[in-house]
Amino acid sequence: MGRRVTKIQLRNIWFQLHKWIGLILAALIIPLCLSGSALVWHDALDRIVEPQRHAVSGNATLPPPAYAAAAAGVLAPGARITQLRLPEAAGDPIVVSASAAGKPGRINVYLDPPTARVLEVSGSRSGPLMVLHMLHGSLMIAGGTGRIIVGWLGVAMLVSSISGLWLWWPISGSWSKGLRWRRHRNLDTNLHHLFGFWISLPLFILSLTGAWISFPAFFAPLVGEAPRAPERASPVVPVTSLADALASAHASAPGDVMQIGWPSTARPAWQVTLAAAGTPVEIRVDDATGVATRVKPRPASVARWMRQIHDGSDMGLLWQIVIFLGGLLPAALAVTGIIMWWRARTWRGQAKTRRARAQPAE
């Protein structure tokens, strides 16, 4: 019969696991967490760092073909429009997206709603916020390798949150003892214990959802869903004009236009999203025939729910604040953890030197 692992031994195992996850992965965890924390406020940051694209003159809008024509006038030869998004809130610009004429990514044209005046033309992979997105999604590593690394970082942080909570739990006495501020004489250690406890559950959720986003092929079958393969589509020259497609969509369902998707090789139909009584309604207009079909709303998938939880979209201000802190505090925990490790290492080295000096000479 094998020897039973004692509580102290188990705690030491968790401690070593928690320590080395933090020390080895700190250089990756810190930028990952801080970029995610900043991206919670994406829209507000976009207005600050890219003010030129938000310099609108009003909220009145023109017919969508006017925006498509204005965008087409500044696109490079070979580029084709793929999407048009009308403002979601007052003060937002019109955004027309187009293929980049054989190059990766897309071109975004920002337009003034009342006049269709071009405010900015920029690539989807440029700008400070896109750097944050690429840092958080792939650590700036090209291809799928970066996304895999980020996914495994999520798994590591998942383990770290569990092991940290185990180590926070007092060895003896009531669990409420763990809530005391002064559990150690050093400030960084007290901060590490306290921050670690309060962020453990949000960190667990954010780590799980981040791993889910990175590894959809693994997680989707667990909930009975099939992972969605990315569409590899190219824009085509439409047969039905934009004006006719909109007329057909409005005949099928009334409402203000929210978004328009152009036909492509993967989906030869116009995708028109209307706001009908405050509810988005998707209309598909066949490009060859001009016939409009109302698309039945798809039930929310677990994958979409996971992404929504992870980035805080439509989750309310309270959860967005939790996510923001869920990025800041783990970075602080990584820093305080390194300080604690270095101090303990120094202390052990000094203790070893004292023992060596205390030994009698042979």
Protein backbone atom coordinates (compact mmCIF):
# COMPACT_ATOMS: atom_id res chain seq x y z
CA MET A 1 0.00 0.00 0.00
CA GLY A 2 1.37 3.38 -1.01
CA ARG A 3 2.17 6.03 1.54
CA ARG A 4 -0.62 8.56 2.02
CA VAL A 5 0.19 12.15 1.03
CA THR A 6 -0.16 14.43 4.03
CA LYS A 7 -1.92 17.79 3.98
CA ILE A 8 1.40 19.61 4.29
CA GLN A 9 2.93 17.62 1.43
CA LEU A 10 -0.08 18.32 -0.78
CA ARG A 11 0.15 21.99 0.08
CA ASN A 12 3.82 22.00 -0.87
CA ILE A 13 2.98 20.42 -4.23
CA TRP A 14 0.41 23.14 -4.91
CA PHE A 15 2.92 25.76 -3.78
CA GLN A 16 5.63 24.56 -6.18
CA LEU A 17 3.14 24.39 -9.05
CA HIS A 18 1.79 27.87 -8.29
CA LYS A 19 5.27 29.35 -7.88
CA TRP A 20 6.79 28.02 -11.08
CA ILE A 21 3.76 28.86 -13.21
CA GLY A 22 4.10 32.46 -12.05
CA LEU A 23 7.89 32.65 -12.42
CA ILE A 24 8.24 30.93 -15.78
CA LEU A 25 5.22 32.51 -17.46
CA ALA A 26 5.26 35.99 -15.88
CA ALA A 27 6.82 37.61 -18.95
CA LEU A 28 3.89 36.35 -21.05
CA ILE A 29 1.10 36.64 -18.48
CA ILE A 30 1.74 40.32 -17.71
CA PRO A 31 1.29 41.68 -21.29
CA LEU A 32 -1.58 39.26 -21.90
CA CYS A 33 -3.47 40.45 -18.82
CA LEU A 34 -2.75 44.17 -19.26
CA SER A 35 -3.80 44.17 -22.92
CA GLY A 36 -7.02 42.35 -22.05
CA SER A 37 -7.71 44.85 -19.29
CA ALA A 38 -7.30 47.77 -21.71
CA LEU A 39 -9.48 46.19 -24.41
CA VAL A 40 -12.48 46.16 -22.06
CA TRP A 41 -12.72 49.89 -22.86
CA HIS A 42 -12.04 49.46 -26.58
CA ASP A 43 -14.62 51.98 -27.82
CA ALA A 44 -13.58 54.68 -25.37
CA LEU A 45 -9.89 54.15 -26.15
CA ASP A 46 -10.59 54.26 -29.87
CA ARG A 47 -12.07 57.74 -29.47
CA ILE A 48 -8.97 58.85 -27.58
CA VAL A 49 -6.21 57.39 -29.75
CA GLU A 50 -8.00 57.77 -33.11
CA PRO A 51 -9.95 61.05 -32.77
CA GLN A 52 -9.87 61.77 -36.51
CA ARG A 53 -12.19 58.86 -37.34
CA HIS A 54 -14.76 60.09 -34.82
CA ALA A 55 -14.80 63.73 -35.97
CA VAL A 56 -18.41 63.52 -37.20
CA SER A 57 -20.51 66.59 -37.92
CA GLY A 58 -23.83 65.15 -36.73
CA ASN A 59 -26.00 62.07 -36.42
CA ALA A 60 -28.27 62.37 -39.49
CA THR A 61 -27.68 59.63 -42.06
CA LEU A 62 -27.82 59.33 -45.84
CA PRO A 63 -29.02 56.34 -47.89
CA PRO A 64 -26.40 53.54 -47.69
CA PRO A 65 -25.52 53.68 -51.42
CA ALA A 66 -24.10 57.17 -50.82
CA TYR A 67 -21.61 55.75 -48.31
CA ALA A 68 -20.69 52.85 -50.58
CA ALA A 69 -19.98 55.29 -53.43
CA ALA A 70 -17.87 57.56 -51.18
CA ALA A 71 -15.80 54.61 -49.93
CA ALA A 72 -15.33 53.18 -53.42
CA GLY A 73 -13.87 56.52 -54.49
CA VAL A 74 -10.89 56.20 -52.12
CA LEU A 75 -10.20 52.47 -52.36
CA ALA A 76 -7.25 51.14 -54.31
CA PRO A 77 -7.89 49.38 -57.63
CA GLY A 78 -8.93 45.77 -57.05
CA ALA A 79 -10.33 46.35 -53.56
CA ARG A 80 -14.01 45.46 -53.13
CA ILE A 81 -16.44 46.47 -50.43
CA THR A 82 -17.46 43.62 -48.13
CA GLN A 83 -19.43 45.31 -45.34
CA LEU A 84 -21.07 48.58 -44.31
CA ARG A 85 -21.90 49.37 -40.68
CA LEU A 86 -24.09 52.26 -39.64
CA PRO A 87 -23.56 54.00 -36.27
CA GLU A 88 -24.57 52.07 -33.17
CA ALA A 89 -24.56 55.21 -31.01
CA ALA A 90 -24.64 58.96 -31.47
CA GLY A 91 -21.24 60.30 -32.49
CA ASP A 92 -20.09 57.11 -34.21
CA PRO A 93 -18.92 57.19 -37.83
CA ILE A 94 -20.07 55.06 -40.75
CA VAL A 95 -17.58 52.21 -41.29
CA VAL A 96 -17.16 50.64 -44.72
CA SER A 97 -14.88 47.58 -44.86
CA ALA A 98 -13.26 46.31 -48.04
CA SER A 99 -10.88 43.59 -49.16
CA ALA A 100 -7.28 44.71 -49.36
CA ALA A 101 -6.79 43.71 -53.01
CA GLY A 102 -5.06 40.39 -52.37
CA LYS A 103 -3.33 41.48 -49.16
CA PRO A 104 -4.13 40.04 -45.70
CA GLY A 105 -6.58 41.94 -43.55
CA ARG A 106 -9.05 44.53 -44.76
CA ILE A 107 -9.32 48.26 -45.37
CA ASN A 108 -11.68 50.35 -43.23
CA VAL A 109 -13.08 53.62 -44.52
CA TYR A 110 -14.58 55.91 -41.85
CA LEU A 111 -17.24 58.32 -43.09
CA ASP A 112 -19.14 61.29 -41.66
CA PRO A 113 -22.83 60.22 -41.37
CA PRO A 114 -24.49 63.49 -42.52
CA THR A 115 -22.14 64.16 -45.46
CA ALA A 116 -20.38 60.90 -46.41
CA ARG A 117 -17.09 62.81 -46.11
CA VAL A 118 -14.10 60.52 -45.69
CA LEU A 119 -12.67 60.84 -42.17
CA GLU A 120 -9.96 58.20 -42.38
CA VAL A 121 -8.78 55.24 -44.42
CA SER A 122 -6.77 52.65 -42.49
CA GLY A 123 -5.82 48.98 -42.55
CA SER A 124 -7.50 46.66 -40.08
CA ARG A 125 -4.08 45.54 -38.82
CA SER A 126 -2.74 48.99 -38.02
CA GLY A 127 -3.14 51.34 -35.08
CA PRO A 128 -2.49 51.08 -31.32
CA LEU A 129 -5.70 49.20 -30.53
CA MET A 130 -5.02 46.59 -33.18
CA VAL A 131 -1.61 46.05 -31.57
CA LEU A 132 -3.42 45.38 -28.28
CA HIS A 133 -5.78 42.93 -30.02
CA MET A 134 -2.88 41.07 -31.63
CA LEU A 135 -0.95 41.05 -28.36
CA HIS A 136 -3.90 39.67 -26.42
CA GLY A 137 -4.99 37.18 -29.08
CA SER A 138 -1.65 35.82 -30.26
CA LEU A 139 1.18 37.62 -28.41
CA MET A 140 2.10 39.16 -31.79
CA ILE A 141 3.17 35.70 -33.06
CA ALA A 142 2.09 35.11 -36.66
CA GLY A 143 0.09 32.10 -37.76
CA GLY A 144 -1.78 29.83 -35.39
CA THR A 145 1.15 29.30 -33.02
CA GLY A 146 0.49 32.47 -31.04
CA ARG A 147 -3.15 31.57 -30.48
CA ILE A 148 -2.15 28.12 -29.21
CA ILE A 149 0.35 29.67 -26.78
CA VAL A 150 -2.32 32.07 -25.51
CA GLY A 151 -4.70 29.13 -25.03
CA TRP A 152 -2.17 27.22 -22.94
CA LEU A 153 -1.49 30.36 -20.94
CA GLY A 154 -5.20 30.36 -20.15
CA VAL A 155 -4.93 26.77 -18.93
CA ALA A 156 -1.89 27.67 -16.81
CA MET A 157 -3.71 30.64 -15.26
CA LEU A 158 -6.67 28.36 -14.59
CA VAL A 159 -4.41 26.06 -12.58
CA SER A 160 -2.77 29.06 -10.93
CA SER A 161 -6.11 30.43 -9.73
CA ILE A 162 -7.07 27.07 -8.21
CA SER A 163 -3.69 26.50 -6.56
CA GLY A 164 -3.57 30.10 -5.33
CA LEU A 165 -6.94 29.74 -3.62
CA TRP A 166 -5.74 26.49 -2.00
CA LEU A 167 -2.63 28.24 -0.68
CA TRP A 168 -4.63 31.23 0.52
CA TRP A 169 -6.81 29.00 2.70
CA PRO A 170 -5.51 29.12 6.29
CA ILE A 171 -3.79 25.93 7.44
CA SER A 172 -5.64 26.01 10.75
CA GLY A 173 -8.64 27.83 12.12
CA SER A 174 -11.52 29.51 10.32
CA TRP A 175 -11.28 30.47 6.67
CA SER A 176 -12.08 34.04 7.70
CA LYS A 177 -8.54 34.31 9.00
CA GLY A 178 -7.46 34.47 5.38
CA LEU A 179 -9.28 37.76 4.95
CA ARG A 180 -7.00 39.52 7.39
CA TRP A 181 -4.85 42.19 5.82
CA ARG A 182 -1.70 41.51 7.79
CA ARG A 183 -0.74 37.87 7.28
CA HIS A 184 2.93 38.71 6.78
CA ARG A 185 5.33 41.48 7.72
CA ASN A 186 5.97 42.42 4.06
CA LEU A 187 3.56 44.60 2.09
CA ASP A 188 3.97 42.71 -1.17
CA THR A 189 3.11 39.40 0.48
CA ASN A 190 -0.03 40.84 2.06
CA LEU A 191 -1.06 42.32 -1.30
CA HIS A 192 -0.42 38.97 -2.98
CA HIS A 193 -2.63 37.08 -0.53
CA LEU A 194 -5.44 39.61 -0.54
CA PHE A 195 -5.52 40.36 -4.28
CA GLY A 196 -5.17 36.66 -5.04
CA PHE A 197 -8.25 35.77 -3.04
CA TRP A 198 -10.55 38.44 -4.47
CA ILE A 199 -9.51 37.85 -8.06
CA SER A 200 -9.41 34.03 -7.93
CA LEU A 201 -12.99 33.42 -9.13
CA PRO A 202 -12.99 36.08 -11.91
CA LEU A 203 -9.54 34.86 -13.00
CA PHE A 204 -10.84 31.29 -13.14
CA ILE A 205 -13.75 32.40 -15.36
CA LEU A 206 -11.59 34.57 -17.64
CA SER A 207 -8.96 31.85 -17.98
CA LEU A 208 -11.58 29.22 -18.81
CA THR A 209 -13.31 31.40 -21.39
CA GLY A 210 -9.96 32.39 -22.90
CA ALA A 211 -8.92 28.76 -23.29
CA TRP A 212 -12.36 27.99 -24.77
CA ILE A 213 -11.89 30.71 -27.40
CA SER A 214 -8.41 29.45 -28.27
CA PHE A 215 -9.36 25.75 -28.47
CA PRO A 216 -12.90 25.60 -29.94
CA ALA A 217 -12.24 22.20 -31.53
CA PHE A 218 -11.67 20.71 -28.06
CA PHE A 219 -14.40 22.46 -26.08
CA ALA A 220 -17.26 22.60 -28.61
CA PRO A 221 -17.94 18.81 -28.65
CA LEU A 222 -18.12 18.84 -24.83
CA VAL A 223 -21.36 20.86 -25.05
CA GLY A 224 -22.70 19.22 -28.20
CA GLU A 225 -21.63 21.96 -30.60
CA ALA A 226 -19.57 21.77 -33.76
CA PRO A 227 -16.67 24.22 -33.99
CA ARG A 228 -17.30 26.81 -36.67
CA ALA A 229 -14.69 26.74 -39.40
CA PRO A 230 -13.61 30.20 -40.61
CA GLU A 231 -15.15 31.15 -43.95
CA ARG A 232 -12.61 31.59 -46.71
CA ALA A 233 -14.59 33.89 -48.94
CA SER A 234 -13.70 36.39 -51.63
CA PRO A 235 -15.93 39.31 -52.62
CA VAL A 236 -17.69 39.10 -55.99
CA VAL A 237 -19.18 41.65 -58.36
CA PRO A 238 -22.88 41.77 -57.32
CA VAL A 239 -25.63 41.05 -59.82
CA THR A 240 -28.28 42.80 -57.73
CA SER A 241 -27.48 46.43 -56.92
CA LEU A 242 -27.23 47.65 -53.35
CA ALA A 243 -30.31 49.87 -53.80
CA ASP A 244 -32.38 46.96 -55.14
CA ALA A 245 -31.17 44.65 -52.38
CA LEU A 246 -32.22 47.20 -49.75
CA ALA A 247 -35.61 47.69 -51.40
CA SER A 248 -36.17 43.94 -51.36
CA ALA A 249 -35.07 43.69 -47.72
CA HIS A 250 -37.41 46.51 -46.64
CA ALA A 251 -40.29 44.87 -48.48
CA SER A 252 -39.66 41.76 -46.39
CA ALA A 253 -39.37 43.54 -43.04
CA PRO A 254 -39.49 47.23 -42.05
CA GLY A 255 -36.74 48.80 -40.00
CA ASP A 256 -33.62 50.95 -40.05
CA VAL A 257 -30.50 49.50 -41.63
CA MET A 258 -27.85 48.49 -39.09
CA GLN A 259 -25.40 46.55 -41.23
CA ILE A 260 -24.98 45.30 -44.80
CA GLY A 261 -22.83 42.42 -45.98
CA TRP A 262 -21.89 42.13 -49.65
CA PRO A 263 -22.18 38.84 -51.62
CA SER A 264 -19.11 36.60 -51.62
CA THR A 265 -17.96 33.29 -53.07
CA ALA A 266 -18.92 31.57 -49.80
CA ARG A 267 -22.35 33.22 -49.55
CA PRO A 268 -23.77 34.64 -52.81
CA ALA A 269 -26.35 36.84 -51.11
CA TRP A 270 -26.68 40.27 -49.53
CA GLN A 271 -26.88 40.16 -45.73
CA VAL A 272 -29.01 43.06 -44.47
CA THR A 273 -29.54 43.58 -40.75
CA LEU A 274 -32.50 45.80 -39.85
CA ALA A 275 -33.56 47.20 -36.50
CA ALA A 276 -37.24 46.24 -36.28
CA ALA A 277 -38.85 47.55 -33.08
CA GLY A 278 -35.44 47.59 -31.42
CA THR A 279 -34.69 43.97 -32.35
CA PRO A 280 -32.11 43.05 -35.02
CA VAL A 281 -33.66 41.18 -37.96
CA GLU A 282 -31.44 39.57 -40.59
CA ILE A 283 -32.63 39.50 -44.19
CA ARG A 284 -30.83 37.50 -46.86
CA VAL A 285 -31.29 38.77 -50.43
CA ASP A 286 -30.25 36.31 -53.11
CA ASP A 287 -27.83 38.11 -55.40
CA ALA A 288 -28.91 36.24 -58.54
CA THR A 289 -32.67 36.66 -58.13
CA GLY A 290 -33.09 39.57 -55.69
CA VAL A 291 -35.49 37.49 -53.59
CA ALA A 292 -35.42 38.35 -49.88
CA THR A 293 -35.67 35.74 -47.13
CA ARG A 294 -35.98 36.43 -43.45
CA VAL A 295 -33.34 34.45 -41.58
CA LYS A 296 -34.44 32.70 -38.42
CA PRO A 297 -32.44 33.83 -35.39
CA ARG A 298 -29.88 31.28 -34.39
CA PRO A 299 -29.89 30.25 -30.72
CA ALA A 300 -26.97 31.69 -28.82
CA SER A 301 -24.13 29.17 -28.80
CA VAL A 302 -21.99 28.40 -25.78
CA ALA A 303 -18.95 29.58 -27.75
CA ARG A 304 -20.56 32.98 -28.33
CA TRP A 305 -21.54 33.17 -24.68
CA MET A 306 -17.96 32.38 -23.65
CA ARG A 307 -16.61 35.16 -25.86
CA GLN A 308 -19.17 37.59 -24.51
CA ILE A 309 -18.18 36.78 -20.94
CA HIS A 310 -14.50 37.07 -21.81
CA ASP A 311 -14.59 40.48 -23.49
CA GLY A 312 -17.54 41.93 -21.56
CA SER A 313 -19.60 42.96 -24.59
CA ASP A 314 -23.23 43.62 -23.61
CA MET A 315 -22.49 42.37 -20.09
CA GLY A 316 -23.00 45.61 -18.22
CA LEU A 317 -20.63 48.01 -16.50
CA LEU A 318 -20.19 45.91 -13.33
CA TRP A 319 -18.82 42.87 -15.18
CA GLN A 320 -16.66 45.11 -17.37
CA ILE A 321 -15.09 46.55 -14.22
CA VAL A 322 -14.52 43.01 -12.94
CA ILE A 323 -12.79 42.08 -16.21
CA PHE A 324 -10.71 45.25 -16.05
CA LEU A 325 -9.51 44.33 -12.55
CA GLY A 326 -9.15 40.74 -13.73
CA GLY A 327 -6.41 41.99 -16.03
CA LEU A 328 -4.70 44.41 -13.68
CA LEU A 329 -4.56 42.28 -10.54
CA PRO A 330 -3.00 39.12 -12.09
CA ALA A 331 -0.23 41.35 -13.48
CA ALA A 332 0.25 42.75 -9.96
CA LEU A 333 0.26 39.20 -8.57
CA ALA A 334 2.99 38.22 -11.03
CA VAL A 335 5.14 41.15 -9.90
CA THR A 336 4.59 40.58 -6.17
CA GLY A 337 5.17 36.85 -6.66
CA ILE A 338 8.56 37.51 -8.26
CA ILE A 339 9.47 39.84 -5.38
CA MET A 340 8.45 37.18 -2.83
CA TRP A 341 10.47 34.50 -4.63
CA TRP A 342 13.57 36.69 -4.88
CA ARG A 343 13.41 37.64 -1.20
CA ALA A 344 13.01 33.98 -0.18
CA ARG A 345 15.90 33.02 -2.44
CA THR A 346 18.09 35.71 -0.91
CA TRP A 347 17.08 34.67 2.59
CA ARG A 348 17.90 31.01 1.89
CA GLY A 349 21.27 32.01 0.49
CA GLN A 350 22.08 34.06 3.57
CA ALA A 351 20.95 31.25 5.87
CA LYS A 352 23.17 28.79 4.00
CA THR A 353 26.14 31.14 4.38
CA ARG A 354 25.51 31.50 8.12
CA ARG A 355 25.34 27.72 8.57
CA ALA A 356 28.57 27.28 6.65
CA ARG A 357 30.33 29.85 8.85
CA ALA A 358 28.96 28.24 12.01
CA GLN A 359 30.41 24.82 11.17
CA PRO A 360 33.70 24.16 12.98
CA ALA A 361 36.77 23.88 10.82
CA GLU A 362 38.12 20.36 10.42
